[in-house]
Amino acid sequence: MNGMMRPQGFGSLSIMSPTEPCALGGALQSIGKQSTHRIANYIEIAVAWPWSNHPILKDCLVADCDYIYADATTNIFHLNDAHHWTREQIADWVASIESQEEQAGISGKGPRVAVLEEKVCR
């Protein structure tokens, strides 16, 4: 079963969960790259979507939240775990920034980071 079709998980270990992956864990499952080792998953994200780790400092998208994220990957974790955004909400945000990052010349070879596959899998 595709990672985007499973229940969404929350918390730091959900990136490795085979049954309830977070947004990033589900994206990794979708491309067959999810590992049972947390660090290996971070590496797979960086390989599949290099632009997602490009440094940016921005305020959280949620009003009244004082979180400042350093890159797209950390923001995806934050939106997933702190605000329980759905994978579709996260996918929409990723789509809104991904083209900007690609135009900056730092795109990856993989599909859109963390969840855009959900739209295809419906």
PDB file of N, CA and C in Angstrom:
ATOM      1  N   MET A   1       0.845  -1.188   0.000  1.00  0.00           N
ATOM      2  CA  MET A   1       0.000   0.000   0.000  1.00  0.00           C
ATOM      3  C   MET A   1       0.883   1.241   0.000  1.00  0.00           C
ATOM      4  N   ASN A   2       0.521   2.197  -0.793  1.00  0.00           N
ATOM      5  CA  ASN A   2       1.228   3.457  -0.901  1.00  0.00           C
ATOM      6  C   ASN A   2       1.181   4.218   0.418  1.00  0.00           C
ATOM      7  N   GLY A   3       2.300   4.856   0.795  1.00  0.00           N
ATOM      8  CA  GLY A   3       2.387   5.601   2.042  1.00  0.00           C
ATOM      9  C   GLY A   3       1.383   6.730   2.166  1.00  0.00           C
ATOM     10  N   MET A   4       0.923   7.246   1.046  1.00  0.00           N
ATOM     11  CA  MET A   4      -0.042   8.331   1.084  1.00  0.00           C
ATOM     12  C   MET A   4      -1.449   7.840   1.402  1.00  0.00           C
ATOM     13  N   MET A   5      -1.669   6.549   1.302  1.00  0.00           N
ATOM     14  CA  MET A   5      -2.990   5.988   1.560  1.00  0.00           C
ATOM     15  C   MET A   5      -3.130   5.503   3.006  1.00  0.00           C
ATOM     16  N   ARG A   6      -2.063   5.520   3.762  1.00  0.00           N
ATOM     17  CA  ARG A   6      -2.090   5.063   5.145  1.00  0.00           C
ATOM     18  C   ARG A   6      -2.463   6.220   6.064  1.00  0.00           C
ATOM     19  N   PRO A   7      -2.886   5.899   7.298  1.00  0.00           N
ATOM     20  CA  PRO A   7      -3.162   6.977   8.255  1.00  0.00           C
ATOM     21  C   PRO A   7      -1.900   7.823   8.473  1.00  0.00           C
ATOM     22  N   GLN A   8      -2.089   9.106   8.663  1.00  0.00           N
ATOM     23  CA  GLN A   8      -0.968  10.020   8.867  1.00  0.00           C
ATOM     24  C   GLN A   8      -0.482   9.929  10.301  1.00  0.00           C
ATOM     25  N   GLY A   9       0.825   9.772  10.459  1.00  0.00           N
ATOM     26  CA  GLY A   9       1.436   9.702  11.779  1.00  0.00           C
ATOM     27  C   GLY A   9       2.006  11.041  12.206  1.00  0.00           C
ATOM     28  N   PHE A  10       2.293  11.133  13.495  1.00  0.00           N
ATOM     29  CA  PHE A  10       2.823  12.369  14.069  1.00  0.00           C
ATOM     30  C   PHE A  10       3.933  12.018  15.045  1.00  0.00           C
ATOM     31  N   GLY A  11       4.878  12.922  15.216  1.00  0.00           N
ATOM     32  CA  GLY A  11       5.987  12.701  16.133  1.00  0.00           C
ATOM     33  C   GLY A  11       7.241  12.282  15.389  1.00  0.00           C
ATOM     34  N   SER A  12       8.367  12.377  16.082  1.00  0.00           N
ATOM     35  CA  SER A  12       9.667  12.183  15.441  1.00  0.00           C
ATOM     36  C   SER A  12       9.888  10.785  14.883  1.00  0.00           C
ATOM     37  N   LEU A  13       9.239   9.781  15.426  1.00  0.00           N
ATOM     38  CA  LEU A  13       9.435   8.424  14.923  1.00  0.00           C
ATOM     39  C   LEU A  13       8.528   8.073  13.747  1.00  0.00           C
ATOM     40  N   SER A  14       7.563   8.931  13.448  1.00  0.00           N
ATOM     41  CA  SER A  14       6.611   8.604  12.384  1.00  0.00           C
ATOM     42  C   SER A  14       7.244   8.594  11.000  1.00  0.00           C
ATOM     43  N   ILE A  15       8.405   9.206  10.843  1.00  0.00           N
ATOM     44  CA  ILE A  15       9.087   9.161   9.545  1.00  0.00           C
ATOM     45  C   ILE A  15       9.498   7.733   9.200  1.00  0.00           C
ATOM     46  N   MET A  16       9.638   6.884  10.222  1.00  0.00           N
ATOM     47  CA  MET A  16      10.047   5.493  10.026  1.00  0.00           C
ATOM     48  C   MET A  16       8.881   4.521  10.082  1.00  0.00           C
ATOM     49  N   SER A  17       7.704   4.981  10.440  1.00  0.00           N
ATOM     50  CA  SER A  17       6.572   4.088  10.657  1.00  0.00           C
ATOM     51  C   SER A  17       6.067   3.487   9.344  1.00  0.00           C
ATOM     52  N   PRO A  18       5.999   2.149   9.274  1.00  0.00           N
ATOM     53  CA  PRO A  18       5.465   1.531   8.067  1.00  0.00           C
ATOM     54  C   PRO A  18       3.937   1.603   7.995  1.00  0.00           C
ATOM     55  N   THR A  19       3.269   1.820   9.123  1.00  0.00           N
ATOM     56  CA  THR A  19       1.808   1.810   9.146  1.00  0.00           C
ATOM     57  C   THR A  19       1.174   3.186   9.281  1.00  0.00           C
ATOM     58  N   GLU A  20       1.853   4.123   9.936  1.00  0.00           N
ATOM     59  CA  GLU A  20       1.336   5.482  10.105  1.00  0.00           C
ATOM     60  C   GLU A  20       2.463   6.491   9.894  1.00  0.00           C
ATOM     61  N   PRO A  21       2.913   6.643   8.648  1.00  0.00           N
ATOM     62  CA  PRO A  21       4.015   7.569   8.388  1.00  0.00           C
ATOM     63  C   PRO A  21       3.559   9.030   8.418  1.00  0.00           C
ATOM     64  N   CYS A  22       4.468   9.893   8.810  1.00  0.00           N
ATOM     65  CA  CYS A  22       4.201  11.337   8.717  1.00  0.00           C
ATOM     66  C   CYS A  22       4.206  11.729   7.238  1.00  0.00           C
ATOM     67  N   ALA A  23       4.054  12.994   6.959  1.00  0.00           N
ATOM     68  CA  ALA A  23       4.026  13.459   5.573  1.00  0.00           C
ATOM     69  C   ALA A  23       5.296  13.061   4.827  1.00  0.00           C
ATOM     70  N   LEU A  24       6.454  13.244   5.450  1.00  0.00           N
ATOM     71  CA  LEU A  24       7.704  12.889   4.784  1.00  0.00           C
ATOM     72  C   LEU A  24       7.887  11.381   4.691  1.00  0.00           C
ATOM     73  N   GLY A  25       7.519  10.655   5.731  1.00  0.00           N
ATOM     74  CA  GLY A  25       7.599   9.197   5.689  1.00  0.00           C
ATOM     75  C   GLY A  25       6.712   8.624   4.599  1.00  0.00           C
ATOM     76  N   GLY A  26       5.520   9.192   4.440  1.00  0.00           N
ATOM     77  CA  GLY A  26       4.614   8.756   3.382  1.00  0.00           C
ATOM     78  C   GLY A  26       5.178   9.038   2.000  1.00  0.00           C
ATOM     79  N   ALA A  27       5.818  10.195   1.846  1.00  0.00           N
ATOM     80  CA  ALA A  27       6.434  10.520   0.562  1.00  0.00           C
ATOM     81  C   ALA A  27       7.558   9.537   0.248  1.00  0.00           C
ATOM     82  N   LEU A  28       8.354   9.208   1.265  1.00  0.00           N
ATOM     83  CA  LEU A  28       9.423   8.230   1.059  1.00  0.00           C
ATOM     84  C   LEU A  28       8.865   6.859   0.705  1.00  0.00           C
ATOM     85  N   GLN A  29       7.798   6.451   1.365  1.00  0.00           N
ATOM     86  CA  GLN A  29       7.165   5.179   1.011  1.00  0.00           C
ATOM     87  C   GLN A  29       6.704   5.194  -0.444  1.00  0.00           C
ATOM     88  N   SER A  30       6.197   6.311  -0.894  1.00  0.00           N
ATOM     89  CA  SER A  30       5.675   6.423  -2.259  1.00  0.00           C
ATOM     90  C   SER A  30       6.740   6.203  -3.320  1.00  0.00           C
ATOM     91  N   ILE A  31       7.988   6.507  -2.981  1.00  0.00           N
ATOM     92  CA  ILE A  31       9.072   6.292  -3.948  1.00  0.00           C
ATOM     93  C   ILE A  31       9.929   5.087  -3.559  1.00  0.00           C
ATOM     94  N   GLY A  32       9.454   4.314  -2.586  1.00  0.00           N
ATOM     95  CA  GLY A  32      10.152   3.091  -2.190  1.00  0.00           C
ATOM     96  C   GLY A  32      11.455   3.318  -1.458  1.00  0.00           C
ATOM     97  N   LYS A  33      11.568   4.416  -0.733  1.00  0.00           N
ATOM     98  CA  LYS A  33      12.832   4.768  -0.079  1.00  0.00           C
ATOM     99  C   LYS A  33      12.750   4.883   1.438  1.00  0.00           C
ATOM    100  N   GLN A  34      11.631   4.564   2.063  1.00  0.00           N
ATOM    101  CA  GLN A  34      11.540   4.692   3.515  1.00  0.00           C
ATOM    102  C   GLN A  34      12.403   3.625   4.191  1.00  0.00           C
ATOM    103  N   SER A  35      13.105   4.037   5.218  1.00  0.00           N
ATOM    104  CA  SER A  35      13.992   3.155   5.972  1.00  0.00           C
ATOM    105  C   SER A  35      13.497   3.025   7.405  1.00  0.00           C
ATOM    106  N   THR A  36      13.974   2.006   8.089  1.00  0.00           N
ATOM    107  CA  THR A  36      13.674   1.855   9.508  1.00  0.00           C
ATOM    108  C   THR A  36      14.658   2.650  10.362  1.00  0.00           C
ATOM    109  N   HIS A  37      15.577   3.349   9.721  1.00  0.00           N
ATOM    110  CA  HIS A  37      16.558   4.170  10.433  1.00  0.00           C
ATOM    111  C   HIS A  37      16.281   5.644  10.149  1.00  0.00           C
ATOM    112  N   ARG A  38      16.092   6.410  11.201  1.00  0.00           N
ATOM    113  CA  ARG A  38      15.716   7.816  11.061  1.00  0.00           C
ATOM    114  C   ARG A  38      16.704   8.608  10.208  1.00  0.00           C
ATOM    115  N   ILE A  39      17.995   8.480  10.483  1.00  0.00           N
ATOM    116  CA  ILE A  39      19.000   9.249   9.742  1.00  0.00           C
ATOM    117  C   ILE A  39      18.996   8.871   8.265  1.00  0.00           C
ATOM    118  N   ALA A  40      18.813   7.598   7.971  1.00  0.00           N
ATOM    119  CA  ALA A  40      18.753   7.169   6.567  1.00  0.00           C
ATOM    120  C   ALA A  40      17.601   7.857   5.843  1.00  0.00           C
ATOM    121  N   ASN A  41      16.496   8.074   6.524  1.00  0.00           N
ATOM    122  CA  ASN A  41      15.360   8.764   5.907  1.00  0.00           C
ATOM    123  C   ASN A  41      15.701  10.217   5.591  1.00  0.00           C
ATOM    124  N   TYR A  42      16.406  10.877   6.494  1.00  0.00           N
ATOM    125  CA  TYR A  42      16.808  12.262   6.223  1.00  0.00           C
ATOM    126  C   TYR A  42      17.708  12.317   4.988  1.00  0.00           C
ATOM    127  N   ILE A  43      18.588  11.346   4.880  1.00  0.00           N
ATOM    128  CA  ILE A  43      19.480  11.295   3.720  1.00  0.00           C
ATOM    129  C   ILE A  43      18.672  11.063   2.450  1.00  0.00           C
ATOM    130  N   GLU A  44      17.712  10.152   2.490  1.00  0.00           N
ATOM    131  CA  GLU A  44      16.879   9.880   1.315  1.00  0.00           C
ATOM    132  C   GLU A  44      16.089  11.116   0.889  1.00  0.00           C
ATOM    133  N   ILE A  45      15.610  11.900   1.850  1.00  0.00           N
ATOM    134  CA  ILE A  45      14.899  13.135   1.520  1.00  0.00           C
ATOM    135  C   ILE A  45      15.830  14.087   0.784  1.00  0.00           C
ATOM    136  N   ALA A  46      17.041  14.235   1.306  1.00  0.00           N
ATOM    137  CA  ALA A  46      18.014  15.142   0.686  1.00  0.00           C
ATOM    138  C   ALA A  46      18.411  14.678  -0.718  1.00  0.00           C
ATOM    139  N   VAL A  47      18.480  13.377  -0.925  1.00  0.00           N
ATOM    140  CA  VAL A  47      18.835  12.843  -2.242  1.00  0.00           C
ATOM    141  C   VAL A  47      17.673  13.009  -3.224  1.00  0.00           C
ATOM    142  N   ALA A  48      16.459  12.644  -2.795  1.00  0.00           N
ATOM    143  CA  ALA A  48      15.300  12.709  -3.688  1.00  0.00           C
ATOM    144  C   ALA A  48      14.885  14.144  -4.001  1.00  0.00           C
ATOM    145  N   TRP A  49      14.984  15.005  -3.009  1.00  0.00           N
ATOM    146  CA  TRP A  49      14.522  16.386  -3.154  1.00  0.00           C
ATOM    147  C   TRP A  49      15.562  17.349  -2.569  1.00  0.00           C
ATOM    148  N   PRO A  50      16.705  17.521  -3.229  1.00  0.00           N
ATOM    149  CA  PRO A  50      17.781  18.350  -2.666  1.00  0.00           C
ATOM    150  C   PRO A  50      17.357  19.769  -2.317  1.00  0.00           C
ATOM    151  N   TRP A  51      16.442  20.329  -3.089  1.00  0.00           N
ATOM    152  CA  TRP A  51      16.018  21.703  -2.818  1.00  0.00           C
ATOM    153  C   TRP A  51      15.328  21.830  -1.459  1.00  0.00           C
ATOM    154  N   SER A  52      14.780  20.722  -0.940  1.00  0.00           N
ATOM    155  CA  SER A  52      14.024  20.792   0.317  1.00  0.00           C
ATOM    156  C   SER A  52      14.903  21.130   1.522  1.00  0.00           C
ATOM    157  N   ASN A  53      16.199  20.962   1.375  1.00  0.00           N
ATOM    158  CA  ASN A  53      17.121  21.291   2.458  1.00  0.00           C
ATOM    159  C   ASN A  53      17.878  22.590   2.213  1.00  0.00           C
ATOM    160  N   HIS A  54      17.498  23.312   1.167  1.00  0.00           N
ATOM    161  CA  HIS A  54      18.143  24.595   0.885  1.00  0.00           C
ATOM    162  C   HIS A  54      17.789  25.577   2.000  1.00  0.00           C
ATOM    163  N   PRO A  55      18.778  26.239   2.578  1.00  0.00           N
ATOM    164  CA  PRO A  55      18.501  27.136   3.712  1.00  0.00           C
ATOM    165  C   PRO A  55      17.583  28.301   3.368  1.00  0.00           C
ATOM    166  N   ILE A  56      16.543  28.438   4.178  1.00  0.00           N
ATOM    167  CA  ILE A  56      15.654  29.590   4.129  1.00  0.00           C
ATOM    168  C   ILE A  56      15.196  29.830   5.566  1.00  0.00           C
ATOM    169  N   LEU A  57      15.065  31.029   5.948  1.00  0.00           N
ATOM    170  CA  LEU A  57      14.543  31.351   7.280  1.00  0.00           C
ATOM    171  C   LEU A  57      13.233  32.082   7.103  1.00  0.00           C
ATOM    172  N   LYS A  58      12.158  31.446   7.525  1.00  0.00           N
ATOM    173  CA  LYS A  58      10.833  32.047   7.370  1.00  0.00           C
ATOM    174  C   LYS A  58       9.989  31.735   8.592  1.00  0.00           C
ATOM    175  N   ASP A  59       9.019  32.596   8.838  1.00  0.00           N
ATOM    176  CA  ASP A  59       8.076  32.380   9.926  1.00  0.00           C
ATOM    177  C   ASP A  59       7.091  31.279   9.561  1.00  0.00           C
ATOM    178  N   CYS A  60       6.609  30.601  10.579  1.00  0.00           N
ATOM    179  CA  CYS A  60       5.582  29.581  10.386  1.00  0.00           C
ATOM    180  C   CYS A  60       4.381  30.191   9.674  1.00  0.00           C
ATOM    181  N   LEU A  61       3.712  29.372   8.880  1.00  0.00           N
ATOM    182  CA  LEU A  61       2.549  29.820   8.119  1.00  0.00           C
ATOM    183  C   LEU A  61       1.300  29.980   8.974  1.00  0.00           C
ATOM    184  N   VAL A  62       1.331  29.434  10.173  1.00  0.00           N
ATOM    185  CA  VAL A  62       0.164  29.458  11.053  1.00  0.00           C
ATOM    186  C   VAL A  62       0.211  30.715  11.928  1.00  0.00           C
ATOM    187  N   ALA A  63      -0.884  31.455  11.931  1.00  0.00           N
ATOM    188  CA  ALA A  63      -0.958  32.678  12.738  1.00  0.00           C
ATOM    189  C   ALA A  63      -0.710  32.355  14.208  1.00  0.00           C
ATOM    190  N   ASP A  64      -0.075  33.244  14.896  1.00  0.00           N
ATOM    191  CA  ASP A  64       0.216  33.135  16.324  1.00  0.00           C
ATOM    192  C   ASP A  64       1.205  32.021  16.666  1.00  0.00           C
ATOM    193  N   CYS A  65       1.946  31.535  15.700  1.00  0.00           N
ATOM    194  CA  CYS A  65       2.998  30.548  15.958  1.00  0.00           C
ATOM    195  C   CYS A  65       4.332  31.256  15.772  1.00  0.00           C
ATOM    196  N   ASP A  66       5.220  31.137  16.730  1.00  0.00           N
ATOM    197  CA  ASP A  66       6.491  31.858  16.655  1.00  0.00           C
ATOM    198  C   ASP A  66       7.637  31.015  16.096  1.00  0.00           C
ATOM    199  N   TYR A  67       7.322  29.856  15.514  1.00  0.00           N
ATOM    200  CA  TYR A  67       8.339  28.974  14.950  1.00  0.00           C
ATOM    201  C   TYR A  67       8.935  29.596  13.691  1.00  0.00           C
ATOM    202  N   ILE A  68      10.245  29.521  13.567  1.00  0.00           N
ATOM    203  CA  ILE A  68      10.951  29.952  12.367  1.00  0.00           C
ATOM    204  C   ILE A  68      11.619  28.711  11.790  1.00  0.00           C
ATOM    205  N   TYR A  69      11.307  28.389  10.545  1.00  0.00           N
ATOM    206  CA  TYR A  69      11.880  27.193   9.962  1.00  0.00           C
ATOM    207  C   TYR A  69      13.097  27.529   9.111  1.00  0.00           C
ATOM    208  N   ALA A  70      14.025  26.562   9.067  1.00  0.00           N
ATOM    209  CA  ALA A  70      15.295  26.768   8.385  1.00  0.00           C
ATOM    210  C   ALA A  70      15.282  26.281   6.941  1.00  0.00           C
ATOM    211  N   ASP A  71      14.404  25.343   6.630  1.00  0.00           N
ATOM    212  CA  ASP A  71      14.304  24.815   5.277  1.00  0.00           C
ATOM    213  C   ASP A  71      12.936  24.158   5.118  1.00  0.00           C
ATOM    214  N   ALA A  72      12.620  23.739   3.907  1.00  0.00           N
ATOM    215  CA  ALA A  72      11.305  23.142   3.644  1.00  0.00           C
ATOM    216  C   ALA A  72      11.093  21.871   4.446  1.00  0.00           C
ATOM    217  N   THR A  73      12.120  21.058   4.588  1.00  0.00           N
ATOM    218  CA  THR A  73      11.982  19.798   5.328  1.00  0.00           C
ATOM    219  C   THR A  73      11.572  20.049   6.775  1.00  0.00           C
ATOM    220  N   THR A  74      12.227  20.988   7.452  1.00  0.00           N
ATOM    221  CA  THR A  74      11.869  21.244   8.847  1.00  0.00           C
ATOM    222  C   THR A  74      10.477  21.845   8.961  1.00  0.00           C
ATOM    223  N   ASN A  75      10.071  22.625   7.964  1.00  0.00           N
ATOM    224  CA  ASN A  75       8.721  23.170   8.011  1.00  0.00           C
ATOM    225  C   ASN A  75       7.680  22.075   7.808  1.00  0.00           C
ATOM    226  N   ILE A  76       7.949  21.127   6.946  1.00  0.00           N
ATOM    227  CA  ILE A  76       7.024  20.013   6.746  1.00  0.00           C
ATOM    228  C   ILE A  76       6.864  19.240   8.050  1.00  0.00           C
ATOM    229  N   PHE A  77       7.971  18.953   8.716  1.00  0.00           N
ATOM    230  CA  PHE A  77       7.882  18.289  10.028  1.00  0.00           C
ATOM    231  C   PHE A  77       7.032  19.108  10.986  1.00  0.00           C
ATOM    232  N   HIS A  78       7.288  20.414  11.033  1.00  0.00           N
ATOM    233  CA  HIS A  78       6.568  21.293  11.948  1.00  0.00           C
ATOM    234  C   HIS A  78       5.072  21.332  11.639  1.00  0.00           C
ATOM    235  N   LEU A  79       4.719  21.520  10.373  1.00  0.00           N
ATOM    236  CA  LEU A  79       3.304  21.577   9.997  1.00  0.00           C
ATOM    237  C   LEU A  79       2.610  20.250  10.280  1.00  0.00           C
ATOM    238  N   ASN A  80       3.312  19.149  10.055  1.00  0.00           N
ATOM    239  CA  ASN A  80       2.755  17.826  10.307  1.00  0.00           C
ATOM    240  C   ASN A  80       2.559  17.596  11.807  1.00  0.00           C
ATOM    241  N   ASP A  81       3.601  17.823  12.591  1.00  0.00           N
ATOM    242  CA  ASP A  81       3.577  17.445  14.005  1.00  0.00           C
ATOM    243  C   ASP A  81       2.949  18.487  14.925  1.00  0.00           C
ATOM    244  N   ALA A  82       3.253  19.755  14.718  1.00  0.00           N
ATOM    245  CA  ALA A  82       2.754  20.784  15.629  1.00  0.00           C
ATOM    246  C   ALA A  82       1.334  21.244  15.287  1.00  0.00           C
ATOM    247  N   HIS A  83       1.030  21.284  14.005  1.00  0.00           N
ATOM    248  CA  HIS A  83      -0.262  21.825  13.593  1.00  0.00           C
ATOM    249  C   HIS A  83      -1.193  20.771  12.984  1.00  0.00           C
ATOM    250  N   HIS A  84      -0.695  19.560  12.847  1.00  0.00           N
ATOM    251  CA  HIS A  84      -1.483  18.443  12.291  1.00  0.00           C
ATOM    252  C   HIS A  84      -2.121  18.784  10.951  1.00  0.00           C
ATOM    253  N   TRP A  85      -1.359  19.495  10.097  1.00  0.00           N
ATOM    254  CA  TRP A  85      -1.834  19.750   8.750  1.00  0.00           C
ATOM    255  C   TRP A  85      -1.980  18.417   8.031  1.00  0.00           C
ATOM    256  N   THR A  86      -2.959  18.317   7.160  1.00  0.00           N
ATOM    257  CA  THR A  86      -3.124  17.108   6.366  1.00  0.00           C
ATOM    258  C   THR A  86      -2.018  17.043   5.311  1.00  0.00           C
ATOM    259  N   ARG A  87      -1.844  15.867   4.766  1.00  0.00           N
ATOM    260  CA  ARG A  87      -0.860  15.728   3.691  1.00  0.00           C
ATOM    261  C   ARG A  87      -1.226  16.612   2.503  1.00  0.00           C
ATOM    262  N   GLU A  88      -2.508  16.744   2.223  1.00  0.00           N
ATOM    263  CA  GLU A  88      -2.928  17.587   1.102  1.00  0.00           C
ATOM    264  C   GLU A  88      -2.589  19.064   1.366  1.00  0.00           C
ATOM    265  N   GLN A  89      -2.800  19.536   2.587  1.00  0.00           N
ATOM    266  CA  GLN A  89      -2.441  20.916   2.920  1.00  0.00           C
ATOM    267  C   GLN A  89      -0.936  21.126   2.763  1.00  0.00           C
ATOM    268  N   ILE A  90      -0.161  20.163   3.236  1.00  0.00           N
ATOM    269  CA  ILE A  90       1.298  20.267   3.116  1.00  0.00           C
ATOM    270  C   ILE A  90       1.697  20.214   1.647  1.00  0.00           C
ATOM    271  N   ALA A  91       1.060  19.343   0.873  1.00  0.00           N
ATOM    272  CA  ALA A  91       1.353  19.242  -0.557  1.00  0.00           C
ATOM    273  C   ALA A  91       1.086  20.563  -1.269  1.00  0.00           C
ATOM    274  N   ASP A  92       0.003  21.222  -0.915  1.00  0.00           N
ATOM    275  CA  ASP A  92      -0.312  22.516  -1.525  1.00  0.00           C
ATOM    276  C   ASP A  92       0.768  23.543  -1.202  1.00  0.00           C
ATOM    277  N   TRP A  93       1.237  23.542   0.059  1.00  0.00           N
ATOM    278  CA  TRP A  93       2.307  24.478   0.421  1.00  0.00           C
ATOM    279  C   TRP A  93       3.582  24.147  -0.348  1.00  0.00           C
ATOM    280  N   VAL A  94       3.918  22.871  -0.422  1.00  0.00           N
ATOM    281  CA  VAL A  94       5.118  22.454  -1.156  1.00  0.00           C
ATOM    282  C   VAL A  94       5.012  22.901  -2.616  1.00  0.00           C
ATOM    283  N   ALA A  95       3.861  22.691  -3.219  1.00  0.00           N
ATOM    284  CA  ALA A  95       3.678  23.099  -4.612  1.00  0.00           C
ATOM    285  C   ALA A  95       3.876  24.601  -4.785  1.00  0.00           C
ATOM    286  N   SER A  96       3.499  25.369  -3.773  1.00  0.00           N
ATOM    287  CA  SER A  96       3.622  26.823  -3.875  1.00  0.00           C
ATOM    288  C   SER A  96       5.067  27.300  -3.804  1.00  0.00           C
ATOM    289  N   ILE A  97       5.935  26.512  -3.173  1.00  0.00           N
ATOM    290  CA  ILE A  97       7.340  26.927  -3.073  1.00  0.00           C
ATOM    291  C   ILE A  97       8.259  26.133  -3.973  1.00  0.00           C
ATOM    292  N   GLU A  98       7.837  24.941  -4.380  1.00  0.00           N
ATOM    293  CA  GLU A  98       8.729  24.075  -5.145  1.00  0.00           C
ATOM    294  C   GLU A  98       9.171  24.711  -6.452  1.00  0.00           C
ATOM    295  N   SER A  99       8.259  25.334  -7.182  1.00  0.00           N
ATOM    296  CA  SER A  99       8.650  25.929  -8.452  1.00  0.00           C
ATOM    297  C   SER A  99       9.648  27.062  -8.247  1.00  0.00           C
ATOM    298  N   GLN A 100       9.521  27.801  -7.166  1.00  0.00           N
ATOM    299  CA  GLN A 100      10.486  28.862  -6.860  1.00  0.00           C
ATOM    300  C   GLN A 100      11.866  28.267  -6.629  1.00  0.00           C
ATOM    301  N   GLU A 101      11.920  27.161  -5.886  1.00  0.00           N
ATOM    302  CA  GLU A 101      13.191  26.513  -5.599  1.00  0.00           C
ATOM    303  C   GLU A 101      13.793  25.913  -6.870  1.00  0.00           C
ATOM    304  N   GLU A 102      12.958  25.328  -7.724  1.00  0.00           N
ATOM    305  CA  GLU A 102      13.455  24.768  -8.969  1.00  0.00           C
ATOM    306  C   GLU A 102      14.021  25.857  -9.868  1.00  0.00           C
ATOM    307  N   GLN A 103      13.355  26.995  -9.907  1.00  0.00           N
ATOM    308  CA  GLN A 103      13.852  28.101 -10.717  1.00  0.00           C
ATOM    309  C   GLN A 103      15.182  28.617 -10.194  1.00  0.00           C
ATOM    310  N   ALA A 104      15.414  28.423  -8.904  1.00  0.00           N
ATOM    311  CA  ALA A 104      16.686  28.839  -8.322  1.00  0.00           C
ATOM    312  C   ALA A 104      17.798  27.837  -8.644  1.00  0.00           C
ATOM    313  N   GLY A 105      17.439  26.743  -9.328  1.00  0.00           N
ATOM    314  CA  GLY A 105      18.459  25.788  -9.762  1.00  0.00           C
ATOM    315  C   GLY A 105      18.827  24.736  -8.736  1.00  0.00           C
ATOM    316  N   ILE A 106      17.934  24.447  -7.795  1.00  0.00           N
ATOM    317  CA  ILE A 106      18.277  23.468  -6.763  1.00  0.00           C
ATOM    318  C   ILE A 106      17.234  22.371  -6.665  1.00  0.00           C
ATOM    319  N   SER A 107      16.649  22.004  -7.788  1.00  0.00           N
ATOM    320  CA  SER A 107      15.623  20.967  -7.757  1.00  0.00           C
ATOM    321  C   SER A 107      16.247  19.586  -7.727  1.00  0.00           C
ATOM    322  N   GLY A 108      15.452  18.626  -7.269  1.00  0.00           N
ATOM    323  CA  GLY A 108      15.897  17.244  -7.226  1.00  0.00           C
ATOM    324  C   GLY A 108      15.360  16.472  -8.409  1.00  0.00           C
ATOM    325  N   LYS A 109      15.693  15.211  -8.451  1.00  0.00           N
ATOM    326  CA  LYS A 109      15.234  14.349  -9.526  1.00  0.00           C
ATOM    327  C   LYS A 109      13.938  13.649  -9.161  1.00  0.00           C
ATOM    328  N   GLY A 110      13.617  13.630  -7.868  1.00  0.00           N
ATOM    329  CA  GLY A 110      12.444  12.901  -7.400  1.00  0.00           C
ATOM    330  C   GLY A 110      11.160  13.667  -7.614  1.00  0.00           C
ATOM    331  N   PRO A 111      10.012  13.015  -7.301  1.00  0.00           N
ATOM    332  CA  PRO A 111       8.738  13.709  -7.388  1.00  0.00           C
ATOM    333  C   PRO A 111       8.651  14.781  -6.308  1.00  0.00           C
ATOM    334  N   ARG A 112       7.638  15.568  -6.338  1.00  0.00           N
ATOM    335  CA  ARG A 112       7.504  16.648  -5.360  1.00  0.00           C
ATOM    336  C   ARG A 112       7.637  16.122  -3.949  1.00  0.00           C
ATOM    337  N   VAL A 113       8.289  16.900  -3.124  1.00  0.00           N
ATOM    338  CA  VAL A 113       8.582  16.475  -1.767  1.00  0.00           C
ATOM    339  C   VAL A 113       7.320  16.207  -0.981  1.00  0.00           C
ATOM    340  N   ALA A 114       7.450  15.236  -0.140  1.00  0.00           N
ATOM    341  CA  ALA A 114       6.567  14.976   0.968  1.00  0.00           C
ATOM    342  C   ALA A 114       5.114  14.854   0.721  1.00  0.00           C
ATOM    343  N   VAL A 115       4.567  14.529  -0.325  1.00  0.00           N
ATOM    344  CA  VAL A 115       3.150  14.337  -0.279  1.00  0.00           C
ATOM    345  C   VAL A 115       2.408  14.676  -1.542  1.00  0.00           C
ATOM    346  N   LEU A 116       3.022  15.204  -2.515  1.00  0.00           N
ATOM    347  CA  LEU A 116       2.244  15.562  -3.678  1.00  0.00           C
ATOM    348  C   LEU A 116       1.688  14.329  -4.361  1.00  0.00           C
ATOM    349  N   GLU A 117       2.284  13.183  -4.109  1.00  0.00           N
ATOM    350  CA  GLU A 117       1.790  11.949  -4.704  1.00  0.00           C
ATOM    351  C   GLU A 117       0.375  11.637  -4.222  1.00  0.00           C
ATOM    352  N   GLU A 118      -0.012  12.161  -3.081  1.00  0.00           N
ATOM    353  CA  GLU A 118      -1.360  11.888  -2.577  1.00  0.00           C
ATOM    354  C   GLU A 118      -2.398  12.302  -3.607  1.00  0.00           C
ATOM    355  N   LYS A 119      -2.179  13.410  -4.280  1.00  0.00           N
ATOM    356  CA  LYS A 119      -3.144  13.901  -5.266  1.00  0.00           C
ATOM    357  C   LYS A 119      -3.262  12.925  -6.434  1.00  0.00           C
ATOM    358  N   VAL A 120      -2.174  12.273  -6.792  1.00  0.00           N
ATOM    359  CA  VAL A 120      -2.173  11.321  -7.890  1.00  0.00           C
ATOM    360  C   VAL A 120      -2.810  10.006  -7.469  1.00  0.00           C
ATOM    361  N   CYS A 121      -2.680   9.658  -6.203  1.00  0.00           N
ATOM    362  CA  CYS A 121      -3.123   8.355  -5.699  1.00  0.00           C
ATOM    363  C   CYS A 121      -4.608   8.290  -5.394  1.00  0.00           C
ATOM    364  N   ARG A 122      -5.287   9.371  -5.477  1.00  0.00           N
ATOM    365  CA  ARG A 122      -6.725   9.360  -5.137  1.00  0.00           C
ATOM    366  C   ARG A 122      -7.545   8.733  -6.218  1.00  0.00           C
TER     367      ARG A 122
END
